[in-house]
Amino acid sequence: MIGYLRLPLSWIAHSDRVGIPLMRVAIAIVFLWIGALKFAPYEADSITPFVANSPFMSFFYEHPAEYKAHLTREGELKPAERAWQTANNTYGFSDGLGTVEITIGLLTLLGVFSRRWGIVGATLSFLTPFVTLSFLITTPEAWVSALGDAQHGFPYLSGGGRLVLKDVIMLAGGLLIMADSARAFLEARPFAKLQTTTASKTSTVPAE
């Protein structure tokens, strides 16, 4: 039985050679896609509770304490609420955040070809989930509200909370590609040092 499985198991055992670059591409896709969506009003509206309650981001909004009265569902168009969100700087902040996320995505993707830019993107993709996961602590809407059902509050994540929790995977993936980028740097530096040392010795040899 093991004999039949040896070939596929061997392939799986060495698939990490493809897995790490694939992880870079996967993380890049998430940042690029979601970053691009930040320029759409519905996405900017949907992150309002997270930003308004965050001690790291709420100051970007003009009226963060008023957000609950202006929430809309995805796909719902209410001109009055859109006007409030515009005045609140919801869309200006979301555009800036989208630009940052797209930049991280591009830097992460460059890691497939460049050690220098790749480690920058990998580090940023590793650090970003720490901010996102902090929403589980600061955002009441991350948990099921007490509306009559027995299941509410911790540990009952709402739809938004479940979405945030998935960033644990982004955190682990970011650490993996960051470690791979650091390893590539360490493997390259001894070679560069050896070249420098060899060149130095060659230059000291007197000409005949």
N, C-alpha and C. Protein backbone atom coordinates (compact mmCIF):
# COMPACT_ATOMS: atom_id res chain seq x y z
N MET A 1 0.83 -1.21 0.00
CA MET A 1 0.00 0.00 0.00
C MET A 1 0.87 1.26 0.00
N ILE A 2 1.91 1.24 0.86
CA ILE A 2 2.81 2.39 0.95
C ILE A 2 3.53 2.62 -0.36
N GLY A 3 3.83 1.51 -1.07
CA GLY A 3 4.52 1.62 -2.34
C GLY A 3 3.73 2.43 -3.35
N TYR A 4 2.41 2.25 -3.36
CA TYR A 4 1.56 3.00 -4.28
C TYR A 4 1.50 4.49 -3.91
N LEU A 5 1.63 4.76 -2.62
CA LEU A 5 1.52 6.14 -2.14
C LEU A 5 2.84 6.90 -2.16
N ARG A 6 3.94 6.17 -2.37
CA ARG A 6 5.24 6.81 -2.25
C ARG A 6 5.41 7.97 -3.24
N LEU A 7 5.00 7.78 -4.48
CA LEU A 7 5.17 8.83 -5.49
C LEU A 7 4.35 10.07 -5.17
N PRO A 8 3.01 9.93 -4.90
CA PRO A 8 2.25 11.15 -4.56
C PRO A 8 2.71 11.79 -3.26
N LEU A 9 3.12 10.95 -2.27
CA LEU A 9 3.61 11.51 -1.01
C LEU A 9 4.92 12.26 -1.21
N SER A 10 5.77 11.74 -2.09
CA SER A 10 7.03 12.42 -2.38
C SER A 10 6.78 13.76 -3.06
N TRP A 11 5.79 13.78 -3.97
CA TRP A 11 5.45 15.03 -4.64
C TRP A 11 4.92 16.04 -3.64
N ILE A 12 4.04 15.58 -2.76
CA ILE A 12 3.47 16.47 -1.73
C ILE A 12 4.56 16.99 -0.80
N ALA A 13 5.50 16.12 -0.44
CA ALA A 13 6.57 16.50 0.49
C ALA A 13 7.44 17.61 -0.07
N HIS A 14 7.56 17.68 -1.40
CA HIS A 14 8.39 18.71 -2.03
C HIS A 14 7.57 19.85 -2.63
N SER A 15 6.28 19.86 -2.36
CA SER A 15 5.42 20.88 -2.95
C SER A 15 5.62 22.26 -2.34
N ASP A 16 6.38 22.32 -1.20
CA ASP A 16 6.61 23.62 -0.59
C ASP A 16 7.43 24.53 -1.50
N ARG A 17 8.16 23.93 -2.46
CA ARG A 17 8.92 24.75 -3.40
C ARG A 17 7.98 25.59 -4.26
N VAL A 18 6.79 25.06 -4.50
CA VAL A 18 5.78 25.80 -5.24
C VAL A 18 4.85 26.53 -4.28
N GLY A 19 4.69 25.95 -3.10
CA GLY A 19 3.73 26.48 -2.12
C GLY A 19 4.04 27.88 -1.64
N ILE A 20 5.32 28.18 -1.40
CA ILE A 20 5.68 29.50 -0.88
C ILE A 20 5.44 30.59 -1.93
N PRO A 21 5.91 30.41 -3.18
CA PRO A 21 5.56 31.41 -4.20
C PRO A 21 4.05 31.52 -4.40
N LEU A 22 3.35 30.38 -4.31
CA LEU A 22 1.90 30.41 -4.45
C LEU A 22 1.26 31.19 -3.31
N MET A 23 1.83 31.07 -2.11
CA MET A 23 1.33 31.84 -0.97
C MET A 23 1.52 33.33 -1.21
N ARG A 24 2.64 33.72 -1.80
CA ARG A 24 2.86 35.13 -2.13
C ARG A 24 1.77 35.63 -3.08
N VAL A 25 1.51 34.83 -4.11
CA VAL A 25 0.51 35.21 -5.10
C VAL A 25 -0.87 35.30 -4.45
N ALA A 26 -1.19 34.34 -3.58
CA ALA A 26 -2.50 34.31 -2.92
C ALA A 26 -2.70 35.55 -2.04
N ILE A 27 -1.68 35.88 -1.26
CA ILE A 27 -1.77 37.07 -0.39
C ILE A 27 -1.86 38.33 -1.24
N ALA A 28 -1.11 38.37 -2.32
CA ALA A 28 -1.16 39.53 -3.22
C ALA A 28 -2.55 39.70 -3.81
N ILE A 29 -3.18 38.60 -4.22
CA ILE A 29 -4.53 38.67 -4.78
C ILE A 29 -5.50 39.26 -3.78
N VAL A 30 -5.41 38.82 -2.52
CA VAL A 30 -6.32 39.33 -1.48
C VAL A 30 -6.14 40.84 -1.31
N PHE A 31 -4.88 41.28 -1.17
CA PHE A 31 -4.63 42.71 -0.98
C PHE A 31 -5.04 43.52 -2.19
N LEU A 32 -4.71 43.03 -3.40
CA LEU A 32 -5.03 43.79 -4.61
C LEU A 32 -6.53 43.87 -4.83
N TRP A 33 -7.25 42.77 -4.64
CA TRP A 33 -8.69 42.75 -4.90
C TRP A 33 -9.44 43.58 -3.88
N ILE A 34 -9.18 43.32 -2.60
CA ILE A 34 -9.89 44.06 -1.55
C ILE A 34 -9.46 45.52 -1.55
N GLY A 35 -8.19 45.78 -1.86
CA GLY A 35 -7.73 47.16 -1.96
C GLY A 35 -8.45 47.91 -3.05
N ALA A 36 -8.67 47.26 -4.20
CA ALA A 36 -9.40 47.90 -5.30
C ALA A 36 -10.85 48.16 -4.92
N LEU A 37 -11.43 47.24 -4.14
CA LEU A 37 -12.83 47.41 -3.72
C LEU A 37 -13.00 48.59 -2.76
N LYS A 38 -11.92 48.99 -2.09
CA LYS A 38 -12.00 50.12 -1.16
C LYS A 38 -12.40 51.42 -1.86
N PHE A 39 -12.26 51.45 -3.18
CA PHE A 39 -12.65 52.64 -3.93
C PHE A 39 -14.14 52.63 -4.28
N ALA A 40 -14.83 51.53 -3.96
CA ALA A 40 -16.28 51.44 -4.18
C ALA A 40 -17.01 51.90 -2.92
N PRO A 41 -18.03 52.76 -3.04
CA PRO A 41 -18.73 53.28 -1.86
C PRO A 41 -19.26 52.20 -0.92
N TYR A 42 -19.80 51.09 -1.48
CA TYR A 42 -20.40 50.08 -0.60
C TYR A 42 -19.36 49.45 0.32
N GLU A 43 -18.14 49.26 -0.17
CA GLU A 43 -17.08 48.69 0.65
C GLU A 43 -16.63 49.69 1.71
N ALA A 44 -16.53 50.95 1.32
CA ALA A 44 -16.17 51.99 2.28
C ALA A 44 -17.22 52.09 3.38
N ASP A 45 -18.49 51.98 3.01
CA ASP A 45 -19.57 52.01 4.01
C ASP A 45 -19.47 50.83 4.96
N SER A 46 -19.13 49.66 4.42
CA SER A 46 -19.15 48.43 5.22
C SER A 46 -18.07 48.40 6.29
N ILE A 47 -16.97 49.13 6.09
CA ILE A 47 -15.89 49.12 7.09
C ILE A 47 -16.06 50.23 8.13
N THR A 48 -17.13 51.01 8.00
CA THR A 48 -17.33 52.14 8.92
C THR A 48 -17.31 51.73 10.39
N PRO A 49 -18.01 50.66 10.81
CA PRO A 49 -17.97 50.29 12.24
C PRO A 49 -16.56 49.96 12.73
N PHE A 50 -15.77 49.31 11.89
CA PHE A 50 -14.42 48.94 12.29
C PHE A 50 -13.54 50.18 12.47
N VAL A 51 -13.62 51.09 11.52
CA VAL A 51 -12.78 52.29 11.57
C VAL A 51 -13.24 53.23 12.69
N ALA A 52 -14.55 53.41 12.82
CA ALA A 52 -15.08 54.35 13.80
C ALA A 52 -14.75 53.94 15.23
N ASN A 53 -14.59 52.63 15.49
CA ASN A 53 -14.31 52.15 16.84
C ASN A 53 -12.83 51.89 17.09
N SER A 54 -12.01 52.04 16.07
CA SER A 54 -10.59 51.74 16.22
C SER A 54 -9.83 52.93 16.78
N PRO A 55 -9.06 52.73 17.85
CA PRO A 55 -8.25 53.83 18.39
C PRO A 55 -7.12 54.24 17.45
N PHE A 56 -6.82 53.38 16.46
CA PHE A 56 -5.75 53.67 15.51
C PHE A 56 -6.25 54.39 14.26
N MET A 57 -7.58 54.37 14.02
CA MET A 57 -8.11 54.88 12.76
C MET A 57 -9.24 55.89 12.91
N SER A 58 -9.93 55.90 14.02
CA SER A 58 -11.15 56.71 14.15
C SER A 58 -10.92 58.20 13.91
N PHE A 59 -9.69 58.66 14.16
CA PHE A 59 -9.42 60.09 13.98
C PHE A 59 -9.45 60.51 12.51
N PHE A 60 -9.44 59.53 11.60
CA PHE A 60 -9.57 59.87 10.18
C PHE A 60 -11.00 60.29 9.83
N TYR A 61 -11.96 59.90 10.64
CA TYR A 61 -13.35 60.26 10.41
C TYR A 61 -13.67 61.58 11.09
N GLU A 62 -14.59 62.33 10.47
CA GLU A 62 -15.01 63.60 11.05
C GLU A 62 -16.00 63.41 12.19
N HIS A 63 -16.87 62.40 12.07
CA HIS A 63 -17.91 62.18 13.09
C HIS A 63 -18.02 60.69 13.43
N PRO A 64 -16.98 60.08 13.97
CA PRO A 64 -17.00 58.64 14.21
C PRO A 64 -18.09 58.19 15.19
N ALA A 65 -18.45 59.03 16.14
CA ALA A 65 -19.44 58.62 17.14
C ALA A 65 -20.85 58.51 16.57
N GLU A 66 -21.07 59.05 15.37
CA GLU A 66 -22.42 59.06 14.79
C GLU A 66 -22.66 57.96 13.77
N TYR A 67 -21.71 57.05 13.59
CA TYR A 67 -21.78 56.11 12.47
C TYR A 67 -22.99 55.19 12.51
N LYS A 68 -23.45 54.80 13.71
CA LYS A 68 -24.54 53.82 13.82
C LYS A 68 -25.83 54.30 13.16
N ALA A 69 -26.06 55.58 13.18
CA ALA A 69 -27.29 56.12 12.60
C ALA A 69 -27.25 56.18 11.08
N HIS A 70 -26.10 55.86 10.50
CA HIS A 70 -25.95 56.02 9.05
C HIS A 70 -25.49 54.74 8.35
N LEU A 71 -25.62 53.61 9.02
CA LEU A 71 -25.21 52.34 8.41
C LEU A 71 -26.22 51.90 7.37
N THR A 72 -25.73 51.29 6.30
CA THR A 72 -26.59 50.73 5.26
C THR A 72 -26.14 49.31 4.97
N ARG A 73 -27.03 48.53 4.37
CA ARG A 73 -26.66 47.17 3.98
C ARG A 73 -25.98 47.18 2.62
N GLU A 74 -25.16 46.17 2.36
CA GLU A 74 -24.48 46.08 1.08
C GLU A 74 -25.51 45.97 -0.05
N GLY A 75 -25.34 46.80 -1.06
CA GLY A 75 -26.27 46.82 -2.18
C GLY A 75 -27.41 47.82 -2.02
N GLU A 76 -27.48 48.42 -0.83
CA GLU A 76 -28.55 49.39 -0.56
C GLU A 76 -28.05 50.80 -0.85
N LEU A 77 -28.84 51.57 -1.57
CA LEU A 77 -28.46 52.94 -1.91
C LEU A 77 -29.38 53.92 -1.20
N LYS A 78 -28.81 54.72 -0.31
CA LYS A 78 -29.53 55.78 0.39
C LYS A 78 -28.74 57.07 0.20
N PRO A 79 -29.18 57.93 -0.70
CA PRO A 79 -28.42 59.16 -0.98
C PRO A 79 -28.10 59.98 0.26
N ALA A 80 -29.03 60.05 1.21
CA ALA A 80 -28.78 60.84 2.42
C ALA A 80 -27.61 60.27 3.22
N GLU A 81 -27.55 58.94 3.30
CA GLU A 81 -26.46 58.31 4.05
C GLU A 81 -25.13 58.44 3.30
N ARG A 82 -25.19 58.38 1.98
CA ARG A 82 -23.98 58.57 1.19
C ARG A 82 -23.44 59.99 1.39
N ALA A 83 -24.35 60.95 1.50
CA ALA A 83 -23.93 62.33 1.72
C ALA A 83 -23.26 62.46 3.09
N TRP A 84 -23.83 61.77 4.10
CA TRP A 84 -23.22 61.82 5.43
C TRP A 84 -21.84 61.18 5.40
N GLN A 85 -21.73 60.04 4.72
CA GLN A 85 -20.45 59.35 4.66
C GLN A 85 -19.40 60.20 3.96
N THR A 86 -19.83 60.95 2.95
CA THR A 86 -18.89 61.86 2.27
C THR A 86 -18.39 62.92 3.24
N ALA A 87 -19.31 63.51 4.00
CA ALA A 87 -18.94 64.53 4.98
C ALA A 87 -18.09 63.95 6.10
N ASN A 88 -18.27 62.68 6.36
CA ASN A 88 -17.53 62.01 7.44
C ASN A 88 -16.10 61.65 7.00
N ASN A 89 -15.77 61.84 5.75
CA ASN A 89 -14.48 61.45 5.16
C ASN A 89 -14.35 59.93 5.05
N THR A 90 -15.49 59.25 5.02
CA THR A 90 -15.47 57.79 4.89
C THR A 90 -14.81 57.37 3.58
N TYR A 91 -15.15 58.06 2.49
CA TYR A 91 -14.64 57.67 1.18
C TYR A 91 -13.20 58.11 0.97
N GLY A 92 -12.85 59.26 1.52
CA GLY A 92 -11.46 59.71 1.43
C GLY A 92 -10.53 58.76 2.15
N PHE A 93 -10.93 58.34 3.36
CA PHE A 93 -10.10 57.39 4.12
C PHE A 93 -10.03 56.05 3.40
N SER A 94 -11.16 55.58 2.88
CA SER A 94 -11.21 54.28 2.21
C SER A 94 -10.32 54.28 0.97
N ASP A 95 -10.32 55.39 0.23
CA ASP A 95 -9.44 55.50 -0.95
C ASP A 95 -7.97 55.39 -0.54
N GLY A 96 -7.62 56.06 0.56
CA GLY A 96 -6.24 55.99 1.04
C GLY A 96 -5.88 54.59 1.49
N LEU A 97 -6.81 53.94 2.21
CA LEU A 97 -6.56 52.58 2.67
C LEU A 97 -6.42 51.63 1.49
N GLY A 98 -7.27 51.82 0.49
CA GLY A 98 -7.19 50.99 -0.70
C GLY A 98 -5.85 51.13 -1.40
N THR A 99 -5.34 52.35 -1.46
CA THR A 99 -4.03 52.59 -2.08
C THR A 99 -2.93 51.85 -1.32
N VAL A 100 -3.00 51.90 0.01
CA VAL A 100 -2.01 51.20 0.84
C VAL A 100 -2.09 49.69 0.59
N GLU A 101 -3.31 49.15 0.56
CA GLU A 101 -3.47 47.71 0.37
C GLU A 101 -2.99 47.26 -1.01
N ILE A 102 -3.27 48.04 -2.02
CA ILE A 102 -2.79 47.71 -3.37
C ILE A 102 -1.26 47.74 -3.41
N THR A 103 -0.67 48.72 -2.75
CA THR A 103 0.79 48.82 -2.69
C THR A 103 1.39 47.59 -2.02
N ILE A 104 0.78 47.16 -0.89
CA ILE A 104 1.26 45.96 -0.20
C ILE A 104 1.13 44.74 -1.10
N GLY A 105 0.02 44.65 -1.82
CA GLY A 105 -0.19 43.54 -2.72
C GLY A 105 0.87 43.48 -3.82
N LEU A 106 1.18 44.63 -4.40
CA LEU A 106 2.18 44.68 -5.47
C LEU A 106 3.58 44.33 -4.94
N LEU A 107 3.92 44.86 -3.76
CA LEU A 107 5.22 44.56 -3.17
C LEU A 107 5.34 43.07 -2.83
N THR A 108 4.25 42.50 -2.33
CA THR A 108 4.24 41.07 -2.02
C THR A 108 4.43 40.24 -3.28
N LEU A 109 3.76 40.63 -4.34
CA LEU A 109 3.87 39.92 -5.61
C LEU A 109 5.28 40.04 -6.19
N LEU A 110 5.92 41.18 -5.99
CA LEU A 110 7.28 41.38 -6.47
C LEU A 110 8.27 40.43 -5.80
N GLY A 111 7.86 39.90 -4.64
CA GLY A 111 8.73 38.97 -3.93
C GLY A 111 9.02 37.71 -4.71
N VAL A 112 8.19 37.40 -5.70
CA VAL A 112 8.45 36.24 -6.56
C VAL A 112 9.71 36.48 -7.40
N PHE A 113 10.02 37.75 -7.67
CA PHE A 113 11.13 38.09 -8.56
C PHE A 113 12.26 38.83 -7.86
N SER A 114 11.95 39.53 -6.75
CA SER A 114 12.95 40.39 -6.12
C SER A 114 13.00 40.15 -4.61
N ARG A 115 14.18 39.83 -4.08
CA ARG A 115 14.33 39.64 -2.63
C ARG A 115 14.09 40.95 -1.88
N ARG A 116 14.65 42.04 -2.41
CA ARG A 116 14.60 43.33 -1.71
C ARG A 116 13.16 43.80 -1.53
N TRP A 117 12.40 43.88 -2.64
CA TRP A 117 11.03 44.35 -2.53
C TRP A 117 10.12 43.30 -1.91
N GLY A 118 10.47 42.05 -2.12
CA GLY A 118 9.66 40.98 -1.57
C GLY A 118 9.62 40.97 -0.06
N ILE A 119 10.76 41.24 0.57
CA ILE A 119 10.78 41.22 2.03
C ILE A 119 10.01 42.41 2.61
N VAL A 120 9.99 43.52 1.87
CA VAL A 120 9.18 44.67 2.31
C VAL A 120 7.70 44.32 2.26
N GLY A 121 7.26 43.75 1.14
CA GLY A 121 5.86 43.36 1.01
C GLY A 121 5.49 42.29 2.00
N ALA A 122 6.37 41.30 2.21
CA ALA A 122 6.10 40.22 3.15
C ALA A 122 5.96 40.74 4.57
N THR A 123 6.83 41.67 4.95
CA THR A 123 6.77 42.24 6.30
C THR A 123 5.47 43.01 6.51
N LEU A 124 5.07 43.80 5.52
CA LEU A 124 3.83 44.56 5.62
C LEU A 124 2.61 43.63 5.64
N SER A 125 2.64 42.57 4.85
CA SER A 125 1.52 41.63 4.83
C SER A 125 1.43 40.86 6.14
N PHE A 126 2.55 40.72 6.84
CA PHE A 126 2.56 40.07 8.15
C PHE A 126 2.04 41.01 9.23
N LEU A 127 2.40 42.28 9.15
CA LEU A 127 2.01 43.25 10.19
C LEU A 127 0.55 43.70 10.08
N THR A 128 0.04 43.79 8.84
CA THR A 128 -1.32 44.29 8.63
C THR A 128 -2.39 43.52 9.40
N PRO A 129 -2.35 42.17 9.44
CA PRO A 129 -3.40 41.45 10.19
C PRO A 129 -3.47 41.78 11.67
N PHE A 130 -2.36 42.25 12.26
CA PHE A 130 -2.42 42.64 13.67
C PHE A 130 -3.42 43.78 13.87
N VAL A 131 -3.42 44.73 12.93
CA VAL A 131 -4.37 45.84 13.00
C VAL A 131 -5.78 45.32 12.77
N THR A 132 -5.93 44.47 11.74
CA THR A 132 -7.26 43.95 11.42
C THR A 132 -7.83 43.12 12.57
N LEU A 133 -7.02 42.25 13.16
CA LEU A 133 -7.50 41.40 14.25
C LEU A 133 -7.83 42.20 15.51
N SER A 134 -7.26 43.39 15.62
CA SER A 134 -7.60 44.23 16.78
C SER A 134 -9.06 44.65 16.75
N PHE A 135 -9.70 44.57 15.56
CA PHE A 135 -11.12 44.92 15.45
C PHE A 135 -11.99 44.00 16.29
N LEU A 136 -11.52 42.77 16.55
CA LEU A 136 -12.29 41.85 17.38
C LEU A 136 -12.42 42.37 18.81
N ILE A 137 -11.48 43.23 19.20
CA ILE A 137 -11.51 43.80 20.55
C ILE A 137 -12.25 45.12 20.55
N THR A 138 -12.10 45.92 19.51
CA THR A 138 -12.62 47.28 19.53
C THR A 138 -14.00 47.46 18.90
N THR A 139 -14.44 46.50 18.08
CA THR A 139 -15.68 46.68 17.32
C THR A 139 -16.83 45.85 17.88
N PRO A 140 -17.85 46.48 18.45
CA PRO A 140 -19.00 45.74 18.98
C PRO A 140 -19.70 44.91 17.89
N GLU A 141 -19.72 45.43 16.66
CA GLU A 141 -20.41 44.73 15.56
C GLU A 141 -19.71 43.46 15.12
N ALA A 142 -18.52 43.18 15.69
CA ALA A 142 -17.82 41.94 15.36
C ALA A 142 -18.45 40.73 16.04
N TRP A 143 -19.37 41.00 16.97
CA TRP A 143 -20.02 39.93 17.73
C TRP A 143 -21.53 40.00 17.54
N VAL A 144 -22.19 38.88 17.69
CA VAL A 144 -23.65 38.83 17.56
C VAL A 144 -24.27 39.70 18.65
N SER A 145 -25.19 40.57 18.24
CA SER A 145 -25.84 41.48 19.18
C SER A 145 -26.86 40.74 20.05
N ALA A 146 -27.10 41.29 21.23
CA ALA A 146 -28.10 40.71 22.14
C ALA A 146 -29.49 41.19 21.73
N LEU A 147 -30.12 40.47 20.83
CA LEU A 147 -31.43 40.85 20.30
C LEU A 147 -32.51 39.85 20.67
N GLY A 148 -32.23 39.00 21.64
CA GLY A 148 -33.22 38.02 22.08
C GLY A 148 -32.72 36.60 22.04
N ASP A 149 -31.84 36.29 21.12
CA ASP A 149 -31.31 34.93 21.03
C ASP A 149 -30.31 34.70 22.16
N ALA A 150 -30.21 33.44 22.60
CA ALA A 150 -29.31 33.12 23.70
C ALA A 150 -27.85 33.23 23.27
N GLN A 151 -27.60 33.03 21.97
CA GLN A 151 -26.22 33.08 21.49
C GLN A 151 -25.88 34.50 21.03
N HIS A 152 -25.18 35.22 21.86
CA HIS A 152 -24.73 36.57 21.51
C HIS A 152 -23.47 36.89 22.30
N GLY A 153 -22.74 37.90 21.83
CA GLY A 153 -21.48 38.25 22.47
C GLY A 153 -20.43 37.17 22.23
N PHE A 154 -19.34 37.22 23.00
CA PHE A 154 -18.28 36.22 22.88
C PHE A 154 -18.80 34.84 23.25
N PRO A 155 -18.49 33.78 22.49
CA PRO A 155 -17.60 33.68 21.34
C PRO A 155 -18.34 33.70 20.00
N TYR A 156 -19.54 34.27 19.97
CA TYR A 156 -20.38 34.19 18.79
C TYR A 156 -20.08 35.35 17.82
N LEU A 157 -19.25 35.05 16.85
CA LEU A 157 -18.83 36.05 15.88
C LEU A 157 -19.96 36.36 14.90
N SER A 158 -20.09 37.64 14.58
CA SER A 158 -21.03 38.06 13.54
C SER A 158 -20.40 37.79 12.17
N GLY A 159 -21.11 38.15 11.09
CA GLY A 159 -20.54 37.99 9.76
C GLY A 159 -19.25 38.78 9.62
N GLY A 160 -19.25 40.02 10.12
CA GLY A 160 -18.05 40.84 10.06
C GLY A 160 -16.93 40.26 10.90
N GLY A 161 -17.28 39.73 12.07
CA GLY A 161 -16.28 39.13 12.95
C GLY A 161 -15.65 37.89 12.34
N ARG A 162 -16.47 37.09 11.68
CA ARG A 162 -15.93 35.89 11.03
C ARG A 162 -14.98 36.27 9.90
N LEU A 163 -15.30 37.35 9.21
CA LEU A 163 -14.42 37.83 8.14
C LEU A 163 -13.08 38.29 8.71
N VAL A 164 -13.13 38.97 9.85
CA VAL A 164 -11.90 39.46 10.48
C VAL A 164 -11.05 38.29 10.97
N LEU A 165 -11.70 37.28 11.55
CA LEU A 165 -10.96 36.15 12.12
C LEU A 165 -10.12 35.43 11.08
N LYS A 166 -10.56 35.46 9.82
CA LYS A 166 -9.82 34.79 8.75
C LYS A 166 -8.44 35.41 8.55
N ASP A 167 -8.21 36.60 9.09
CA ASP A 167 -6.89 37.22 8.95
C ASP A 167 -5.83 36.49 9.75
N VAL A 168 -6.24 35.56 10.61
CA VAL A 168 -5.26 34.70 11.28
C VAL A 168 -4.46 33.93 10.23
N ILE A 169 -5.15 33.50 9.17
CA ILE A 169 -4.47 32.79 8.08
C ILE A 169 -3.52 33.74 7.36
N MET A 170 -3.94 34.99 7.14
CA MET A 170 -3.07 35.98 6.50
C MET A 170 -1.83 36.22 7.37
N LEU A 171 -2.01 36.23 8.67
CA LEU A 171 -0.90 36.43 9.59
C LEU A 171 0.12 35.30 9.45
N ALA A 172 -0.36 34.06 9.44
CA ALA A 172 0.52 32.91 9.31
C ALA A 172 1.20 32.90 7.94
N GLY A 173 0.43 33.21 6.89
CA GLY A 173 1.00 33.24 5.54
C GLY A 173 2.04 34.34 5.41
N GLY A 174 1.77 35.50 6.00
CA GLY A 174 2.72 36.60 5.97
C GLY A 174 4.02 36.23 6.67
N LEU A 175 3.91 35.53 7.80
CA LEU A 175 5.11 35.09 8.52
C LEU A 175 5.91 34.11 7.66
N LEU A 176 5.22 33.22 6.98
CA LEU A 176 5.89 32.22 6.15
C LEU A 176 6.69 32.88 5.03
N ILE A 177 6.07 33.81 4.29
CA ILE A 177 6.79 34.43 3.17
C ILE A 177 7.85 35.41 3.67
N MET A 178 7.64 36.01 4.84
CA MET A 178 8.65 36.89 5.41
C MET A 178 9.89 36.08 5.79
N ALA A 179 9.66 34.92 6.39
CA ALA A 179 10.78 34.04 6.75
C ALA A 179 11.53 33.57 5.50
N ASP A 180 10.77 33.26 4.45
CA ASP A 180 11.40 32.82 3.20
C ASP A 180 12.25 33.94 2.59
N SER A 181 11.75 35.18 2.64
CA SER A 181 12.51 36.32 2.12
C SER A 181 13.78 36.55 2.93
N ALA A 182 13.67 36.43 4.25
CA ALA A 182 14.84 36.61 5.12
C ALA A 182 15.87 35.53 4.85
N ARG A 183 15.42 34.30 4.62
CA ARG A 183 16.33 33.19 4.32
C ARG A 183 17.07 33.45 3.00
N ALA A 184 16.35 33.98 2.03
CA ALA A 184 16.97 34.28 0.74
C ALA A 184 18.06 35.33 0.90
N PHE A 185 17.82 36.33 1.76
CA PHE A 185 18.83 37.36 2.00
C PHE A 185 20.08 36.77 2.65
N LEU A 186 19.85 35.91 3.66
CA LEU A 186 20.97 35.31 4.38
C LEU A 186 21.79 34.40 3.48
N GLU A 187 21.13 33.72 2.56
CA GLU A 187 21.84 32.83 1.64
C GLU A 187 22.63 33.62 0.60
N ALA A 188 22.15 34.82 0.28
CA ALA A 188 22.82 35.63 -0.74
C ALA A 188 24.01 36.38 -0.17
N ARG A 189 23.95 36.81 1.09
CA ARG A 189 25.00 37.65 1.67
C ARG A 189 26.35 36.93 1.80
N PRO A 190 26.39 35.65 2.26
CA PRO A 190 27.71 34.99 2.32
C PRO A 190 28.37 34.90 0.95
N PHE A 191 27.58 34.69 -0.10
CA PHE A 191 28.12 34.61 -1.45
C PHE A 191 28.72 35.96 -1.86
N ALA A 192 27.98 37.04 -1.54
CA ALA A 192 28.47 38.39 -1.87
C ALA A 192 29.75 38.69 -1.09
N LYS A 193 29.79 38.25 0.18
CA LYS A 193 30.97 38.49 1.01
C LYS A 193 32.17 37.72 0.46
N LEU A 194 31.90 36.47 -0.01
CA LEU A 194 32.97 35.66 -0.56
C LEU A 194 33.54 36.32 -1.81
N GLN A 195 32.67 36.87 -2.65
CA GLN A 195 33.11 37.55 -3.86
C GLN A 195 34.00 38.74 -3.52
N THR A 196 33.56 39.51 -2.49
CA THR A 196 34.31 40.70 -2.08
C THR A 196 35.69 40.32 -1.55
N THR A 197 35.73 39.25 -0.73
CA THR A 197 37.00 38.79 -0.16
C THR A 197 37.95 38.30 -1.25
N THR A 198 37.40 37.55 -2.22
CA THR A 198 38.22 37.04 -3.32
C THR A 198 38.78 38.18 -4.15
N ALA A 199 37.94 39.18 -4.43
CA ALA A 199 38.38 40.33 -5.22
C ALA A 199 39.45 41.11 -4.48
N SER A 200 39.32 41.20 -3.14
CA SER A 200 40.31 41.93 -2.34
C SER A 200 41.67 41.21 -2.38
N LYS A 201 41.64 39.89 -2.25
CA LYS A 201 42.90 39.14 -2.29
C LYS A 201 43.56 39.24 -3.65
N THR A 202 42.74 39.21 -4.70
CA THR A 202 43.28 39.30 -6.05
C THR A 202 43.96 40.64 -6.30
N SER A 203 43.38 41.71 -5.74
CA SER A 203 43.93 43.05 -5.97
C SER A 203 45.25 43.26 -5.23
N THR A 204 45.51 42.43 -4.18
CA THR A 204 46.76 42.58 -3.40
C THR A 204 47.92 41.79 -3.98
N VAL A 205 47.63 40.91 -4.95
CA VAL A 205 48.70 40.11 -5.56
C VAL A 205 49.54 41.02 -6.47
N PRO A 206 50.85 41.12 -6.22
CA PRO A 206 51.69 42.02 -7.04
C PRO A 206 51.79 41.56 -8.49
N ALA A 207 51.76 42.48 -9.38
CA ALA A 207 51.87 42.16 -10.80
C ALA A 207 53.27 41.74 -11.15
N GLU A 208 53.42 40.73 -11.97
CA GLU A 208 54.75 40.25 -12.37
C GLU A 208 55.27 41.01 -13.58
